[in-house]
Structures are given as C-alpha cells and as structure tokens.
C-alpha atoms as a PDB file:
ATOM      1  CA  GLU A   1     -19.878 127.557-307.331  1.00  0.00           C
ATOM      2  CA  LYS A   2     -16.957 129.947-306.897  1.00  0.00           C
ATOM      3  CA  SER A   3     -14.184 127.376-307.066  1.00  0.00           C
ATOM      4  CA  GLY A   4     -15.631 125.520-310.022  1.00  0.00           C
ATOM      5  CA  SER A   5     -16.336 128.730-311.920  1.00  0.00           C
ATOM      6  CA  LEU A   6     -12.848 130.065-311.303  1.00  0.00           C
ATOM      7  CA  ILE A   7     -11.269 126.831-312.507  1.00  0.00           C
ATOM      8  CA  ARG A   8     -13.443 126.865-315.628  1.00  0.00           C
ATOM      9  CA  LEU A   9     -12.493 130.480-316.260  1.00  0.00           C
ATOM     10  CA  ALA A  10      -8.783 129.718-315.875  1.00  0.00           C
ATOM     11  CA  CYS A  11      -9.035 126.836-318.349  1.00  0.00           C
ATOM     12  CA  TYR A  12     -11.025 128.951-320.780  1.00  0.00           C
ATOM     13  CA  LEU A  13      -8.492 131.780-320.628  1.00  0.00           C
ATOM     14  CA  GLY A  14      -5.832 129.273-321.564  1.00  0.00           C
ATOM     15  CA  TYR A  15      -7.431 128.385-324.886  1.00  0.00           C
ATOM     16  CA  ALA A  16      -9.867 131.207-325.691  1.00  0.00           C
ATOM     17  CA  GLY A  17      -7.462 133.182-327.850  1.00  0.00           C
ATOM     18  CA  VAL A  18      -6.377 130.235-329.961  1.00  0.00           C
ATOM     19  CA  SER A  19      -8.219 130.225-333.261  1.00  0.00           C
ATOM     20  CA  ALA A  20      -6.750 126.980-334.578  1.00  0.00           C
ATOM     21  CA  PHE A  21      -9.315 124.821-332.772  1.00  0.00           C
ATOM     22  CA  SER A  22     -12.321 123.341-334.510  1.00  0.00           C
ATOM     23  CA  ASP A  23     -15.775 123.886-333.016  1.00  0.00           C
ATOM     24  CA  GLU A  24     -15.720 120.260-331.896  1.00  0.00           C
ATOM     25  CA  THR A  25     -12.403 120.715-330.078  1.00  0.00           C
ATOM     26  CA  LEU A  26     -13.656 123.917-328.433  1.00  0.00           C
ATOM     27  CA  GLY A  27     -16.734 122.034-327.259  1.00  0.00           C
ATOM     28  CA  LEU A  28     -14.549 119.305-325.775  1.00  0.00           C
ATOM     29  CA  LEU A  29     -12.308 121.868-324.074  1.00  0.00           C
ATOM     30  CA  ASN A  30     -15.356 123.612-322.582  1.00  0.00           C
ATOM     31  CA  GLU A  31     -16.669 120.273-321.348  1.00  0.00           C
ATOM     32  CA  LEU A  32     -13.267 119.377-319.900  1.00  0.00           C
ATOM     33  CA  ALA A  33     -13.083 122.758-318.136  1.00  0.00           C
ATOM     34  CA  LYS A  34     -16.571 122.169-316.683  1.00  0.00           C
ATOM     35  CA  ASP A  35     -15.562 118.726-315.403  1.00  0.00           C
ATOM     36  CA  ILE A  36     -12.354 120.076-313.871  1.00  0.00           C
ATOM     37  CA  GLY A  37     -14.390 122.806-312.179  1.00  0.00           C
ATOM     38  CA  VAL A  38     -16.820 120.291-310.682  1.00  0.00           C
ATOM     39  CA  ILE A  39     -13.934 118.115-309.483  1.00  0.00           C
ATOM     40  CA  ALA A  40     -12.365 121.113-307.735  1.00  0.00           C
ATOM     41  CA  GLN A  41     -15.707 122.218-306.292  1.00  0.00           C
ATOM     42  CA  ILE A  42     -16.386 118.818-304.732  1.00  0.00           C
ATOM     43  CA  GLU A  43     -12.875 118.805-303.266  1.00  0.00           C
ATOM     44  CA  ASN A  44     -13.468 122.225-301.717  1.00  0.00           C
ATOM     45  CA  ASP A  45     -16.887 121.183-300.428  1.00  0.00           C
ATOM     46  CA  LEU A  46     -15.370 118.189-298.638  1.00  0.00           C
ATOM     47  CA  LYS A  47     -12.545 120.245-297.143  1.00  0.00           C
ATOM     48  CA  ASP A  48     -14.966 122.908-295.931  1.00  0.00           C
ATOM     49  CA  LEU A  49     -17.306 120.324-294.411  1.00  0.00           C
ATOM     50  CA  LEU A  50     -14.555 118.567-292.485  1.00  0.00           C
ATOM     51  CA  ARG A  51     -13.265 121.737-290.853  1.00  0.00           C
ATOM     52  CA  PHE A  52     -15.527 122.894-288.059  1.00  0.00           C
ATOM     53  CA  ASP A  53     -14.726 126.599-287.994  1.00  0.00           C
ATOM     54  CA  VAL A  54     -16.146 129.772-289.554  1.00  0.00           C
ATOM     55  CA  LYS A  55     -15.484 128.451-293.083  1.00  0.00           C
ATOM     56  CA  ASN A  56     -17.473 125.265-292.497  1.00  0.00           C
ATOM     57  CA  ASP A  57     -20.214 124.929-295.130  1.00  0.00           C
ATOM     58  CA  LEU A  58     -22.561 123.260-292.680  1.00  0.00           C
ATOM     59  CA  LEU A  59     -22.321 126.105-290.153  1.00  0.00           C
ATOM     60  CA  ASN A  60     -23.027 128.564-292.956  1.00  0.00           C
ATOM     61  CA  LYS A  61     -25.984 126.442-294.128  1.00  0.00           C
ATOM     62  CA  LYS A  62     -24.563 126.052-297.609  1.00  0.00           C
ATOM     63  CA  ARG A  63     -26.128 123.308-299.665  1.00  0.00           C
ATOM     64  CA  THR A  64     -23.198 121.392-301.073  1.00  0.00           C
ATOM     65  CA  LEU A  65     -23.079 117.858-302.440  1.00  0.00           C
ATOM     66  CA  PRO A  66     -22.157 116.193-299.112  1.00  0.00           C
ATOM     67  CA  VAL A  67     -24.772 118.272-297.273  1.00  0.00           C
ATOM     68  CA  PHE A  68     -27.485 117.370-299.810  1.00  0.00           C
ATOM     69  CA  TYR A  69     -26.566 113.735-299.258  1.00  0.00           C
ATOM     70  CA  MET A  70     -26.908 114.028-295.470  1.00  0.00           C
ATOM     71  CA  LEU A  71     -30.184 115.947-295.729  1.00  0.00           C
ATOM     72  CA  ALA A  72     -31.595 113.190-297.939  1.00  0.00           C
ATOM     73  CA  ILE A  73     -30.807 110.457-295.412  1.00  0.00           C
ATOM     74  CA  ASP A  74     -33.845 109.396-293.418  1.00  0.00           C
ATOM     75  CA  ASP A  75     -31.956 108.733-290.205  1.00  0.00           C
ATOM     76  CA  GLU A  76     -34.140 109.130-287.119  1.00  0.00           C
ATOM     77  CA  GLU A  77     -31.132 108.708-284.861  1.00  0.00           C
ATOM     78  CA  PHE A  78     -29.333 111.735-286.264  1.00  0.00           C
ATOM     79  CA  LEU A  79     -31.639 114.567-287.156  1.00  0.00           C
ATOM     80  CA  ILE A  80     -29.191 117.272-286.086  1.00  0.00           C
ATOM     81  CA  ILE A  81     -28.278 118.299-289.639  1.00  0.00           C
ATOM     82  CA  LYS A  82     -31.910 118.557-290.770  1.00  0.00           C
ATOM     83  CA  GLN A  83     -32.895 120.375-287.586  1.00  0.00           C
ATOM     84  CA  TYR A  84     -30.114 122.890-288.050  1.00  0.00           C
ATOM     85  CA  TYR A  85     -31.016 123.575-291.690  1.00  0.00           C
ATOM     86  CA  ASP A  86     -34.696 123.850-290.745  1.00  0.00           C
ATOM     87  CA  GLY A  87     -33.862 126.402-288.051  1.00  0.00           C
ATOM     88  CA  VAL A  88     -34.956 124.159-285.171  1.00  0.00           C
ATOM     89  CA  LEU A  89     -31.400 123.930-283.850  1.00  0.00           C
ATOM     90  CA  SER A  90     -29.296 127.065-283.365  1.00  0.00           C
ATOM     91  CA  ARG A  91     -25.699 127.510-284.467  1.00  0.00           C
ATOM     92  CA  ASP A  92     -24.547 127.483-280.825  1.00  0.00           C
ATOM     93  CA  GLU A  93     -26.447 124.250-280.178  1.00  0.00           C
ATOM     94  CA  LEU A  94     -24.869 122.702-283.265  1.00  0.00           C
ATOM     95  CA  LEU A  95     -21.394 123.793-282.171  1.00  0.00           C
ATOM     96  CA  LYS A  96     -21.924 121.985-278.861  1.00  0.00           C
ATOM     97  CA  LEU A  97     -22.467 118.820-280.903  1.00  0.00           C
ATOM     98  CA  LYS A  98     -19.312 119.260-282.966  1.00  0.00           C
ATOM     99  CA  ARG A  99     -17.823 115.865-282.068  1.00  0.00           C
ATOM    100  CA  GLU A 100     -21.070 114.045-282.886  1.00  0.00           C
ATOM    101  CA  CYS A 101     -21.368 115.936-286.170  1.00  0.00           C
ATOM    102  CA  MET A 102     -17.836 115.124-287.218  1.00  0.00           C
ATOM    103  CA  GLN A 103     -18.460 111.461-286.462  1.00  0.00           C
ATOM    104  CA  TYR A 104     -21.708 111.595-288.426  1.00  0.00           C
ATOM    105  CA  PHE A 105     -19.887 113.076-291.422  1.00  0.00           C
ATOM    106  CA  GLN A 106     -17.635 110.023-291.342  1.00  0.00           C
ATOM    107  CA  ASP A 107     -20.437 107.504-290.747  1.00  0.00           C
ATOM    108  CA  SER A 108     -23.139 108.912-293.043  1.00  0.00           C
ATOM    109  CA  GLY A 109     -21.467 107.987-296.317  1.00  0.00           C
ATOM    110  CA  CYS A 110     -21.493 111.599-297.556  1.00  0.00           C
ATOM    111  CA  ILE A 111     -17.717 111.616-298.008  1.00  0.00           C
ATOM    112  CA  GLU A 112     -17.703 108.359-299.953  1.00  0.00           C
ATOM    113  CA  TYR A 113     -20.669 109.473-302.036  1.00  0.00           C
ATOM    114  CA  SER A 114     -18.968 112.770-302.880  1.00  0.00           C
ATOM    115  CA  ARG A 115     -15.764 110.942-303.816  1.00  0.00           C
ATOM    116  CA  ILE A 116     -17.711 108.601-306.104  1.00  0.00           C
ATOM    117  CA  ILE A 117     -19.368 111.515-307.886  1.00  0.00           C
ATOM    118  CA  GLN A 118     -15.974 113.207-308.123  1.00  0.00           C
ATOM    119  CA  THR A 119     -14.514 110.024-309.623  1.00  0.00           C
ATOM    120  CA  LEU A 120     -17.237 109.973-312.275  1.00  0.00           C
ATOM    121  CA  TYR A 121     -16.197 113.481-313.304  1.00  0.00           C
ATOM    122  CA  ILE A 122     -12.519 112.503-313.207  1.00  0.00           C
ATOM    123  CA  ASN A 123     -13.219 109.543-315.490  1.00  0.00           C
ATOM    124  CA  HIS A 124     -15.175 111.718-317.886  1.00  0.00           C
ATOM    125  CA  ALA A 125     -12.422 114.351-317.871  1.00  0.00           C
ATOM    126  CA  GLU A 126      -9.888 111.608-318.573  1.00  0.00           C
ATOM    127  CA  GLU A 127     -11.917 110.418-321.580  1.00  0.00           C
ATOM    128  CA  ILE A 128     -12.142 113.925-322.990  1.00  0.00           C
ATOM    129  CA  PHE A 129      -8.485 114.634-322.269  1.00  0.00           C
ATOM    130  CA  ASN A 130      -7.400 111.423-324.019  1.00  0.00           C
ATOM    131  CA  SER A 131      -9.458 112.320-327.084  1.00  0.00           C
ATOM    132  CA  LEU A 132      -7.603 115.622-327.521  1.00  0.00           C
ATOM    133  CA  GLU A 133      -4.354 116.031-329.401  1.00  0.00           C
ATOM    134  CA  THR A 134      -1.895 117.021-326.693  1.00  0.00           C
ATOM    135  CA  PHE A 135       1.867 117.327-326.414  1.00  0.00           C
ATOM    136  CA  ALA A 136       4.255 115.945-323.826  1.00  0.00           C
ATOM    137  CA  PRO A 137       5.325 116.987-321.278  1.00  0.00           C
ATOM    138  CA  TRP A 138       2.684 119.751-321.100  1.00  0.00           C
ATOM    139  CA  ASN A 139      -0.239 117.384-321.349  1.00  0.00           C
ATOM    140  CA  GLU A 140       0.752 115.433-318.238  1.00  0.00           C
ATOM    141  CA  ARG A 141       1.577 118.626-316.352  1.00  0.00           C
ATOM    142  CA  PHE A 142      -1.850 120.081-317.197  1.00  0.00           C
ATOM    143  CA  LYS A 143      -3.552 116.890-316.072  1.00  0.00           C
ATOM    144  CA  GLU A 144      -1.536 116.796-312.863  1.00  0.00           C
ATOM    145  CA  ILE A 145      -2.419 120.334-311.808  1.00  0.00           C
ATOM    146  CA  THR A 146      -6.088 120.132-312.770  1.00  0.00           C
ATOM    147  CA  PHE A 147      -7.710 116.747-312.213  1.00  0.00           C
ATOM    148  CA  GLY A 148      -4.921 114.154-312.106  1.00  0.00           C
ATOM    149  CA  ARG A 149      -4.004 114.710-308.469  1.00  0.00           C
ATOM    150  CA  GLN A 150      -7.530 113.713-307.419  1.00  0.00           C
ATOM    151  CA  GLU A 151      -7.221 110.230-308.917  1.00  0.00           C
ATOM    152  CA  ALA A 152      -5.345 108.756-305.947  1.00  0.00           C
ATOM    153  CA  LYS A 153      -8.064 109.610-303.406  1.00  0.00           C
END
C-alpha cells in the first residue's frame, strides 16, 4: 500500500489547493489518483516478486496481487508457495528452491493476471483522464509520468 498511497498523495497535492474545481471534477481527480496509485502498486508488486533477494515480497510473506493469485491456485504439483505461507516450509528451504519458484512465477499466470488487472485500471484512468479538461503539452506529460508508460506492457 505504500507505493499506491504515495502516488495518490502526490496527485492530491498537485490539485488540492486549487479551488476552481467543481465537486464532480474533484471526485474524478480523486478517482484518477486512486487508479494511478493501484497501477503503480501492481507494478511494484511484480518487480518485488521477480527479484529473489531481501526485498522479495514472497520471502517477506507479503500478500500482494500476484501472491494472492498463486495462493488461490489449486496446484498439487507446486505447493511450495502455500507451504511457505502456512509456515510448513522455512525461508531457507524456500531459498533452496529459488529456481523452481522463479519458473513457477512465470508458469502460474500470476504475472499475466496482474498485468490484466493493471490494464483494467489503466483503461479506467484513461477514461477519467479523457473526461477532464486538460491542456497540452502538460496533459500528455502528466499521463506519461503517471500511468501512460504502463500501457506498452
């Protein structure tokens, strides 16, 4: 939640002092900031999952979107993730299975699922963004640095 909250806060600080917005526009800006925060959070969750070091969300037993996806899979052939989260498998035992875990991350569909959810938020952010009165070139720059760079993935 840190990344998403920080992004939302940054967006909010950008428009909070402007009194010229209607309540409807403020609502849309808040919703856009929330979407941008979720997009960033999913991106961070994927990056943290795919790096197998001290920052890895799996090693720290964080429950992120890709981890929830893997925990929900009823895969008898790969119970390592569930066993680790249930405390059956130790951190050291999991680290010995690093290669298998990394392959499972790729094969499980958790990355694709997370990208699909992220795309839903990107599409919603795009709809909101397009409904706002914006000014070039700042509108495209804002989009590029917030949620536009995620569109190509």
